[in-house]
Protein backbone atom coordinates (compact mmCIF):
# COMPACT_ATOMS: atom_id res chain seq x y z
CA MET A 1 8.97 -23.25 -49.69
CA GLY A 2 12.14 -23.88 -47.90
CA GLY A 3 13.21 -26.94 -49.85
CA SER A 4 16.82 -28.01 -49.54
CA HIS A 5 19.38 -26.54 -51.87
CA ALA A 6 23.06 -27.22 -52.06
CA HIS A 7 25.70 -25.18 -50.33
CA GLY A 8 28.53 -27.58 -50.61
CA GLY A 9 26.19 -30.34 -49.50
CA ALA A 10 22.50 -31.05 -49.21
CA GLY A 11 20.84 -29.23 -46.35
CA PRO A 12 18.24 -30.81 -44.09
CA ARG A 13 14.73 -30.76 -45.51
CA THR A 14 12.19 -28.80 -43.51
CA PRO A 15 9.83 -31.19 -41.68
CA ARG A 16 6.29 -31.05 -43.02
CA PRO A 17 4.68 -30.36 -39.60
CA VAL A 18 7.00 -27.37 -39.13
CA ARG A 19 6.11 -25.95 -42.53
CA ILE A 20 2.42 -26.35 -41.77
CA ALA A 21 2.88 -24.61 -38.41
CA VAL A 22 4.73 -21.69 -40.05
CA LEU A 23 2.01 -21.26 -42.68
CA ALA A 24 -0.65 -21.48 -39.96
CA VAL A 25 0.86 -18.34 -38.45
CA ILE A 26 1.80 -16.39 -41.59
CA VAL A 27 -1.41 -16.82 -43.59
CA PRO A 28 -3.86 -15.60 -40.90
CA VAL A 29 -1.58 -12.66 -40.04
CA ALA A 30 -1.40 -11.67 -43.71
CA LEU A 31 -5.17 -11.92 -44.19
CA ILE A 32 -5.92 -9.97 -41.01
CA THR A 33 -3.41 -7.27 -41.99
CA LEU A 34 -4.88 -6.94 -45.48
CA ALA A 35 -8.43 -6.71 -44.10
CA ALA A 36 -7.36 -4.12 -41.51
CA VAL A 37 -5.59 -1.96 -44.11
CA LEU A 38 -8.64 -2.01 -46.40
CA TRP A 39 -11.01 -1.27 -43.51
CA MET A 40 -8.92 1.53 -42.00
CA TRP A 41 -7.74 3.12 -45.26
CA PRO A 42 -8.63 6.83 -44.89
CA ASP A 43 -10.83 8.75 -47.28
CA GLU A 44 -9.59 11.74 -49.21
CA PRO A 45 -8.91 14.55 -46.70
CA GLU A 46 -11.27 17.50 -46.70
CA PRO A 47 -9.91 21.05 -47.09
CA SER A 48 -8.22 21.98 -43.85
CA SER A 49 -9.59 24.72 -41.62
CA VAL A 50 -6.29 25.12 -39.79
CA PRO A 51 -4.93 28.70 -39.89
CA GLY A 52 -2.44 29.05 -42.71
CA ALA A 53 -4.15 26.48 -44.93
CA ALA A 54 -4.91 29.24 -47.50
CA LEU A 55 -1.20 29.63 -48.21
CA THR A 56 -0.13 28.22 -51.55
CA ARG A 57 3.38 27.34 -52.70
CA VAL A 58 4.77 29.13 -55.74
CA ASP A 59 8.15 28.49 -57.37
CA GLY A 60 10.41 31.16 -58.78
CA THR A 61 13.95 32.22 -59.66
CA ILE A 62 15.75 35.21 -58.17
CA VAL A 63 16.84 37.58 -60.92
CA GLY A 64 18.32 40.28 -58.73
CA ILE A 65 19.14 41.31 -55.14
CA ASP A 66 18.94 44.87 -53.81
CA LEU A 67 20.76 45.15 -50.45
CA ARG A 68 20.35 47.97 -47.95
CA PRO A 69 21.72 48.71 -44.44
CA CYS A 70 20.34 46.49 -41.70
CA PRO A 71 18.36 48.22 -38.92
CA GLU A 72 19.93 48.38 -35.49
CA ARG A 73 18.63 46.28 -32.63
CA ALA A 74 15.87 48.02 -30.75
CA GLN A 75 17.16 46.97 -27.33
CA ALA A 76 19.55 44.61 -25.62
CA PRO A 77 18.32 41.33 -24.12
CA GLN A 78 16.63 41.66 -20.76
CA PRO A 79 18.28 40.22 -17.61
CA GLY A 80 17.71 36.48 -17.29
CA GLU A 81 17.59 35.84 -21.03
CA PHE A 82 20.02 33.37 -22.60
CA GLY A 83 23.33 34.80 -23.71
CA THR A 84 24.37 38.43 -23.94
CA ASP A 85 24.14 40.73 -26.94
CA ALA A 86 22.91 38.90 -30.04
CA PRO A 87 25.24 38.84 -33.05
CA PRO A 88 24.56 41.51 -35.68
CA THR A 89 22.35 40.62 -38.62
CA ASP A 90 24.15 39.38 -41.71
CA PRO A 91 24.10 42.30 -44.20
CA ARG A 92 23.31 39.82 -47.00
CA ARG A 93 19.89 39.30 -45.38
CA CYS A 94 18.75 42.91 -45.48
CA GLY A 95 17.05 44.25 -48.60
CA THR A 96 14.74 43.02 -51.32
CA ALA A 97 14.82 40.35 -54.02
CA ARG A 98 13.33 40.43 -57.51
CA VAL A 99 11.85 37.01 -58.26
CA GLU A 100 10.51 35.74 -61.57
CA LEU A 101 7.61 33.38 -60.87
CA THR A 102 7.77 30.05 -62.66
CA SER A 103 4.51 28.52 -61.40
CA GLY A 104 1.07 29.60 -60.24
CA ASP A 105 -1.43 31.96 -61.78
CA ASP A 106 1.16 34.73 -62.14
CA ALA A 107 3.82 32.61 -63.85
CA GLY A 108 6.22 34.79 -65.87
CA ARG A 109 5.63 37.86 -63.71
CA THR A 110 8.48 39.42 -61.69
CA VAL A 111 7.66 40.39 -58.10
CA THR A 112 9.68 42.19 -55.43
CA VAL A 113 9.78 40.59 -51.99
CA GLN A 114 11.58 41.29 -48.72
CA LEU A 115 14.61 39.19 -47.86
CA PRO A 116 13.99 37.24 -44.62
CA SER A 117 16.31 38.53 -41.89
CA GLY A 118 15.14 36.72 -38.75
CA PRO A 119 17.17 34.17 -36.79
CA GLY A 120 17.94 31.02 -38.75
CA THR A 121 16.95 32.45 -42.12
CA GLN A 122 18.98 31.58 -45.21
CA VAL A 123 21.08 33.73 -47.48
CA PHE A 124 19.75 34.10 -51.02
CA GLY A 125 21.54 35.15 -54.19
CA ALA A 126 20.80 35.90 -57.82
CA GLY A 127 20.05 32.77 -59.85
CA ASP A 128 18.74 30.74 -56.87
CA ASP A 129 15.59 28.67 -57.36
CA VAL A 130 13.30 29.59 -54.48
CA VAL A 131 9.91 28.85 -52.95
CA LEU A 132 7.46 31.64 -52.18
CA LEU A 133 4.27 31.58 -50.13
CA HIS A 134 1.27 33.24 -51.74
CA THR A 135 -1.55 34.63 -49.63
CA PRO A 136 -4.12 36.13 -52.01
CA ASP A 137 -6.44 37.66 -49.39
CA ILE A 138 -4.16 40.41 -48.11
CA PRO A 139 -5.73 43.87 -48.52
CA ASP A 140 -2.50 45.77 -47.97
CA GLY A 141 1.04 44.57 -48.57
CA ASP A 142 2.75 42.10 -50.84
CA PRO A 143 0.91 38.75 -51.12
CA TYR A 144 4.22 36.95 -51.80
CA GLN A 145 6.77 36.02 -49.13
CA LEU A 146 10.17 34.48 -49.78
CA SER A 147 10.23 31.20 -47.86
CA ASP A 148 13.02 28.80 -48.80
CA HIS A 149 15.32 27.42 -51.47
CA ASP A 150 13.77 25.07 -54.02
CA ARG A 151 15.58 21.75 -53.50
CA THR A 152 13.70 19.72 -56.09
CA SER A 153 16.61 19.25 -58.52
CA PRO A 154 19.29 18.53 -55.86
CA MET A 155 17.05 16.00 -54.11
CA TRP A 156 16.32 14.19 -57.38
CA LEU A 157 20.06 14.06 -58.06
CA ILE A 158 20.79 12.67 -54.58
CA GLY A 159 17.99 10.12 -54.93
CA ALA A 160 19.26 8.98 -58.33
CA ALA A 161 22.78 8.52 -56.96
CA PHE A 162 21.39 6.47 -54.08
CA ALA A 163 19.30 4.27 -56.38
CA LEU A 164 22.21 3.67 -58.78
CA ALA A 165 24.53 2.70 -55.92
CA VAL A 166 21.99 0.25 -54.48
CA ILE A 167 21.27 -1.37 -57.85
CA ALA A 168 24.95 -1.50 -58.84
CA PHE A 169 25.87 -3.38 -55.67
CA GLY A 170 22.69 -5.36 -54.99
CA ARG A 171 21.56 -5.93 -58.59
CA LEU A 172 18.18 -7.67 -58.53
CA ARG A 173 18.15 -7.75 -54.73
CA GLY A 174 18.93 -4.04 -54.69
CA LEU A 175 16.07 -3.35 -57.10
CA THR A 176 13.62 -5.26 -54.90
CA ALA A 177 14.93 -3.35 -51.86
CA LEU A 178 14.13 -0.06 -53.61
CA LEU A 179 10.63 -1.32 -54.43
CA GLY A 180 10.22 -2.24 -50.78
CA LEU A 181 11.34 1.26 -49.79
CA ALA A 182 8.73 2.73 -52.14
CA ILE A 183 6.03 0.58 -50.51
CA THR A 184 7.16 1.77 -47.08
CA PHE A 185 6.86 5.43 -48.09
CA LEU A 186 3.48 4.76 -49.71
CA LEU A 187 2.07 3.19 -46.54
CA LEU A 188 3.50 5.90 -44.30
CA LEU A 189 2.34 8.84 -46.41
CA LYS A 190 -0.96 7.49 -47.74
CA PHE A 191 -2.12 5.30 -44.86
CA LEU A 192 -0.44 5.99 -41.50
CA ILE A 193 -0.44 9.81 -41.46
CA PRO A 194 -3.88 10.38 -43.07
CA ALA A 195 -5.48 7.74 -40.80
CA ILE A 196 -4.08 9.42 -37.68
CA LEU A 197 -5.23 12.84 -38.93
CA ALA A 198 -8.68 11.33 -39.60
CA GLY A 199 -9.04 10.60 -35.88
CA GLN A 200 -8.23 6.87 -35.76
CA SER A 201 -6.20 5.41 -32.90
CA PRO A 202 -2.50 6.12 -33.57
CA LEU A 203 -1.45 2.87 -31.82
CA LEU A 204 -3.82 0.67 -33.82
CA VAL A 205 -2.90 2.39 -37.09
CA ALA A 206 0.82 1.97 -36.33
CA ILE A 207 0.40 -1.76 -35.60
CA VAL A 208 -1.47 -2.37 -38.85
CA CYS A 209 0.97 -0.22 -40.86
CA ALA A 210 3.99 -1.97 -39.33
CA ALA A 211 2.54 -5.40 -40.13
CA ALA A 212 1.81 -4.36 -43.72
CA ILE A 213 5.32 -2.96 -44.20
CA MET A 214 6.92 -6.03 -42.66
CA LEU A 215 5.00 -8.58 -44.74
CA SER A 216 5.27 -6.78 -48.07
CA VAL A 217 8.86 -5.57 -47.79
CA LEU A 218 10.44 -8.72 -46.32
CA TYR A 219 8.84 -11.08 -48.83
CA LEU A 220 9.48 -8.73 -51.75
CA THR A 221 13.14 -8.22 -50.81
CA HIS A 222 14.09 -11.71 -49.60
CA GLY A 223 11.64 -13.91 -51.48
CA PHE A 224 8.97 -16.38 -50.41
CA SER A 225 11.01 -18.84 -48.38
CA MET A 226 10.84 -20.51 -45.00
CA ALA A 227 13.78 -18.41 -43.79
CA THR A 228 11.85 -15.22 -44.61
CA SER A 229 8.76 -16.60 -42.89
CA ILE A 230 10.78 -17.31 -39.77
CA ALA A 231 12.11 -13.73 -39.88
CA VAL A 232 8.54 -12.45 -40.17
CA ILE A 233 7.36 -14.49 -37.17
CA GLY A 234 10.39 -13.36 -35.15
CA THR A 235 9.69 -9.73 -36.06
CA ILE A 236 6.01 -10.05 -35.09
CA ALA A 237 6.90 -11.54 -31.69
CA SER A 238 9.65 -8.99 -30.99
CA LEU A 239 7.56 -6.04 -32.16
CA SER A 240 4.65 -7.14 -29.95
CA LEU A 241 7.01 -7.32 -26.99
CA THR A 242 8.39 -3.86 -27.85
CA GLY A 243 4.89 -2.38 -27.93
CA LEU A 244 3.98 -4.01 -24.62
CA LEU A 245 7.15 -2.77 -22.93
CA ALA A 246 6.67 0.73 -24.34
CA THR A 247 3.08 0.83 -23.06
CA VAL A 248 4.14 -0.20 -19.57
CA ALA A 249 7.08 2.25 -19.55
CA ILE A 250 4.96 5.20 -20.72
CA ASP A 251 2.34 4.52 -18.05
CA LEU A 252 5.01 4.04 -15.39
CA ALA A 253 6.79 7.29 -16.30
CA HIS A 254 3.48 9.20 -16.72
CA LEU A 255 4.50 10.46 -20.17
CA SER A 256 1.76 12.36 -21.98
CA GLY A 257 3.48 12.30 -25.37
CA ILE A 258 3.69 16.11 -25.54
CA THR A 259 7.43 16.70 -25.78
CA ASP A 260 7.77 19.77 -28.01
CA GLU A 261 5.86 22.55 -29.70
CA ALA A 262 4.87 20.35 -32.67
CA SER A 263 3.19 17.70 -30.51
CA LEU A 264 1.49 20.46 -28.47
CA ASN A 265 0.07 22.05 -31.63
CA LEU A 266 -1.22 18.67 -32.83
CA ASP A 267 -2.92 18.07 -29.50
CA LEU A 268 -4.53 21.52 -29.43
CA THR A 269 -5.43 21.90 -33.10
CA LEU A 270 -6.34 18.39 -34.26
CA SER A 271 -7.01 16.66 -30.91
CA VAL A 272 -4.58 13.84 -31.75
CA ASN A 273 -3.94 11.35 -28.94
CA SER A 274 -0.39 12.37 -28.05
CA GLN A 275 0.31 9.34 -25.89
CA GLY A 276 -0.86 7.00 -28.63
CA LEU A 277 1.23 8.96 -31.11
CA LEU A 278 4.31 8.39 -28.94
CA LEU A 279 3.60 4.64 -28.84
CA ALA A 280 3.09 4.60 -32.61
CA SER A 281 6.42 6.32 -33.21
CA ILE A 282 8.19 3.76 -31.00
CA ILE A 283 6.68 0.83 -32.93
CA ILE A 284 7.46 2.26 -36.37
CA GLY A 285 11.00 3.21 -35.29
CA ALA A 286 11.71 -0.23 -33.83
CA LEU A 287 10.50 -2.05 -36.95
CA GLY A 288 13.37 -0.75 -39.07
CA VAL A 289 16.00 -2.31 -36.81
CA LEU A 290 14.08 -5.44 -35.84
CA ASP A 291 13.69 -6.75 -39.38
CA ASP A 292 17.43 -6.31 -39.90
CA VAL A 293 18.20 -8.50 -36.86
CA THR A 294 15.59 -11.16 -37.59
CA VAL A 295 16.53 -11.54 -41.26
CA THR A 296 20.21 -11.80 -40.34
CA GLN A 297 19.57 -14.46 -37.69
CA ALA A 298 17.30 -16.53 -39.93
CA ALA A 299 19.82 -16.40 -42.79
CA THR A 300 22.72 -17.24 -40.46
CA VAL A 301 21.07 -20.35 -39.05
CA THR A 302 20.00 -21.42 -42.53
CA GLU A 303 23.57 -21.21 -43.85
CA LEU A 304 24.90 -23.07 -40.80
CA ALA A 305 22.41 -25.85 -41.43
CA HIS A 306 23.36 -26.08 -45.11
CA ALA A 307 27.05 -26.23 -44.26
CA ASN A 308 26.46 -28.79 -41.49
CA PRO A 309 23.40 -30.95 -42.22
CA ALA A 310 24.24 -33.15 -39.20
CA TYR A 311 23.86 -30.24 -36.75
CA ARG A 312 21.02 -30.64 -34.31
CA PHE A 313 18.85 -28.00 -32.66
CA ALA A 314 21.21 -27.22 -29.76
CA GLN A 315 24.25 -26.88 -32.02
CA LEU A 316 22.47 -24.58 -34.48
CA TYR A 317 20.99 -22.47 -31.69
CA LYS A 318 24.32 -22.04 -29.86
CA ALA A 319 26.21 -21.09 -33.03
CA GLY A 320 23.50 -18.68 -34.20
CA ALA A 321 23.11 -17.11 -30.76
CA ARG A 322 26.84 -16.37 -30.54
CA ILE A 323 26.69 -14.47 -33.83
CA GLY A 324 23.49 -12.72 -32.71
CA ARG A 325 25.11 -11.49 -29.50
CA ALA A 326 27.91 -9.89 -31.51
CA HIS A 327 25.33 -8.25 -33.79
CA ILE A 328 23.23 -6.94 -30.89
CA ALA A 329 26.28 -5.45 -29.15
CA SER A 330 26.76 -3.07 -32.07
CA VAL A 331 23.09 -2.49 -32.92
CA ILE A 332 22.27 -1.32 -29.38
CA ASN A 333 24.78 1.50 -29.69
CA THR A 334 23.33 2.34 -33.10
CA VAL A 335 19.82 2.72 -31.67
CA VAL A 336 20.93 4.97 -28.82
CA LEU A 337 23.06 7.14 -31.13
CA ALA A 338 20.19 7.47 -33.61
CA TYR A 339 17.84 8.80 -30.93
CA ALA A 340 20.57 11.01 -29.45
CA GLY A 341 21.32 12.50 -32.87
CA ALA A 342 17.64 13.26 -33.46
CA SER A 343 17.46 15.02 -30.06
CA LEU A 344 20.76 16.90 -30.34
CA PRO A 345 19.21 20.41 -30.67
CA LEU A 346 17.06 19.71 -27.61
CA LEU A 347 20.10 18.51 -25.65
CA LEU A 348 21.96 21.70 -26.55
CA LEU A 349 19.03 23.84 -25.46
CA LEU A 350 18.78 22.04 -22.13
CA THR A 351 22.52 22.41 -21.61
CA ILE A 352 22.32 26.16 -22.20
CA GLY A 353 19.61 26.33 -19.54
CA ARG A 354 22.07 24.81 -17.04
CA GLN A 355 19.48 22.49 -15.56
CA PRO A 356 20.63 19.73 -13.21
CA LEU A 357 21.29 16.43 -14.97
CA ALA A 358 18.61 14.66 -12.96
CA ASP A 359 16.00 17.21 -14.06
CA VAL A 360 17.07 16.86 -17.69
CA LEU A 361 16.87 13.06 -17.68
CA THR A 362 13.48 12.98 -15.96
CA GLY A 363 11.94 15.73 -18.09
CA PRO A 364 9.21 14.79 -20.60
CA ALA A 365 11.33 15.32 -23.71
CA ILE A 366 14.42 13.33 -22.69
CA GLY A 367 12.26 10.83 -20.78
CA ALA A 368 10.38 10.02 -23.99
CA GLU A 369 13.66 9.42 -25.84
CA ILE A 370 14.91 7.16 -23.03
CA VAL A 371 11.71 5.12 -23.24
CA ARG A 372 12.13 4.84 -27.01
CA SER A 373 15.70 3.61 -26.64
CA VAL A 374 14.99 1.14 -23.83
CA ALA A 375 11.87 -0.36 -25.41
CA GLY A 376 13.55 -0.68 -28.81
CA THR A 377 16.69 -2.20 -27.30
CA LEU A 378 14.77 -4.78 -25.27
CA GLY A 379 12.85 -5.73 -28.39
CA LEU A 380 16.13 -6.20 -30.27
CA ILE A 381 17.54 -8.38 -27.49
CA ALA A 382 14.42 -10.56 -27.55
CA ALA A 383 14.54 -10.85 -31.34
CA VAL A 384 17.81 -12.83 -31.31
CA PRO A 385 16.79 -15.84 -29.18
CA ILE A 386 13.27 -15.94 -30.62
CA THR A 387 14.33 -15.91 -34.27
CA THR A 388 17.37 -18.13 -33.71
CA ALA A 389 15.30 -20.75 -31.89
CA LEU A 390 12.62 -20.75 -34.59
CA ALA A 391 15.18 -21.00 -37.39
CA ALA A 392 17.10 -23.77 -35.58
CA LEU A 393 13.85 -25.67 -35.05
CA LEU A 394 13.08 -25.32 -38.73
CA ARG A 395 16.50 -26.45 -39.98
CA SER A 396 17.71 -28.97 -37.39
CA ARG A 397 17.59 -32.75 -37.76
CA GLY A 398 16.38 -33.35 -34.24
CA PHE A 399 16.35 -32.09 -30.70
CA ASP A 400 19.10 -34.23 -29.17
CA THR A 401 21.38 -31.88 -27.22
CA ASP A 402 24.26 -34.36 -27.05
CA GLU A 403 26.93 -32.91 -29.33
CA HIS A 404 29.04 -36.08 -29.36
CA ASP A 405 26.75 -38.83 -30.64
CA GLU A 406 26.85 -41.05 -33.65
CA HIS A 407 26.01 -38.12 -35.97
CA THR A 408 28.87 -35.93 -34.77
CA PRO A 409 32.01 -36.24 -36.93
CA VAL A 410 35.15 -37.57 -35.29
CA PRO A 411 38.58 -36.08 -35.93
CA SER A 412 40.50 -37.81 -38.67
CA ALA A 413 44.24 -38.37 -38.84
CA GLN A 414 46.29 -35.57 -40.35
CA PRO A 415 48.62 -36.15 -43.33
CA ASP A 416 51.69 -35.60 -41.13
CA ASP A 417 50.52 -38.35 -38.81
CA LEU A 418 50.00 -40.71 -41.73
CA ASP A 419 53.57 -40.30 -42.95
CA GLY A 420 55.34 -39.84 -39.61
CA PRO A 421 57.32 -42.45 -37.67
CA GLY A 422 55.85 -44.82 -35.10
CA PRO A 423 52.93 -47.17 -35.09
CA THR A 424 50.76 -44.80 -37.17
CA ARG A 425 53.07 -45.09 -40.21
CA MET A 426 51.18 -46.43 -43.21
CA PRO A 427 52.42 -49.78 -44.61
CA GLU A 428 54.58 -49.80 -47.69
CA GLY A 429 53.42 -51.68 -50.75
CA PRO A 430 52.52 -51.45 -54.39
CA PRO A 431 49.79 -49.06 -55.41
CA THR A 432 46.25 -50.31 -55.60
CA THR A 433 44.23 -50.46 -58.78
CA ASP A 434 42.85 -46.96 -58.26
CA GLY A 435 46.30 -45.43 -57.86
CA THR A 436 46.23 -44.86 -54.09
CA ALA A 437 48.75 -46.28 -51.68
CA PRO A 438 47.75 -49.24 -49.48
CA GLY A 439 45.89 -48.14 -46.39
CA ARG A 440 45.33 -44.57 -47.62
CA PRO A 441 41.78 -43.29 -48.05
CA ARG A 442 40.66 -42.72 -51.59
CA ARG A 443 40.37 -39.03 -52.52
CA THR A 444 37.10 -37.87 -54.02
CA GLY A 445 35.92 -34.54 -55.41
CA GLN A 446 33.10 -34.27 -52.87
CA ARG A 447 33.60 -31.82 -50.01
CA PRO A 448 32.86 -33.06 -46.50
CA VAL A 449 29.50 -31.84 -45.31
CA THR A 450 31.02 -30.84 -41.97
CA GLU A 451 33.86 -28.85 -43.46
CA PHE A 452 32.52 -25.41 -42.35
CA PRO A 453 32.21 -24.45 -39.60
CA PRO A 454 34.56 -27.04 -38.02
CA PRO A 455 33.37 -28.96 -34.98
CA SER A 456 34.34 -27.67 -31.54
CA TRP A 457 36.58 -30.17 -29.77
CA PRO A 458 37.12 -30.02 -26.01
CA GLY A 459 39.56 -27.32 -25.01
CA THR A 460 39.38 -25.43 -28.32
CA SER A 461 37.04 -22.83 -29.78
CA THR A 462 36.57 -21.89 -33.41
CA ASP A 463 34.04 -19.13 -32.65
CA PRO A 464 35.57 -15.71 -33.47
CA PHE A 465 32.84 -13.90 -31.46
CA ARG A 466 33.43 -15.75 -28.15
């Protein structure tokens, strides 16, 4: 692992003690994660006793629509309610639909159902593939209710376009990335969610799930190399710090984890630890950005070391940290915008209520999103120096911080100086046996190992991110 390979010159070989130290961290973490996943893997869920569990999904196709006049509103909104008179109901939502069932026990039968006309309902038309809810134990009334459009075919088409684009650009690396994505979905849907529903600690389940995703996906996508191992160690350290900071922030802000109706229903119906669920969501959400930063930093330092085998620890760390700061500056905004976009409906609702800004920011819903953003951002900031230092330690020749020693290249004379007037003019004379002029260096096909990036001389800077 991590042997030198050429990038315009031989890179420094990883010291054996460093490789042993890296394996001493990775191997126990992998074994503990595997044992925890096997031990905590949930059993098959029992039939749910939650109200509404008897509903079954049935697919169908609308063969006809019968519209009729919409009923008038019974009364205007009472004083103190949001807004004034509600907009009239869309006439395309009033009437009945004839649906031919394509699945279930009554497949092939045509049933008549009411068109949904409540707020936020969709508009249906003839030829639409739809989803119906079947409740068999209804003594009076229609057991079928029109629920939603069937998006199976469009979603398969969108997924195929995504997969083709990833493979066309990434080729083998893109294929491994898709396999890693499949493993992520498998662990989330088959391990994380069922284990939480089975009553296990959401925080512990999230830690184990995050470790399993990180180890399997990073090594599958980027290969078994020392650079990937450094990224894994950096992700573990940064994710641990993120979880610790989130725990402290949640306790400090007295957040219960109940931020909306969904979390309230989970707490009342299934007795799920809402505070632990909030911590688990922060850890899983932070993992997706942390592995991006750590892999980038490990790869950056590795390429710098291959391009400049003479670089020592301080030089590699400084160059990698400058690139990491530029990366973090953009990623921080990405994290905040991602959380803000997910909470946009809630922000609109709070704005309509005309609550003071201080009350909005300190409320449980927005407060939870602020804690998510701050904890994730601090974890990202910590990921850069941790991963950069580990990668520089792995790839550097030594720990001497003097950048101008015997291993640092010195500037050579330029061609204009060699041919210009004055004492630096090269002597005239017959060519030598190898065809070069007297006093001129012999040209070879080998590239200088310090060609990229160029050394930083006093008073100049070649760093585009400074």
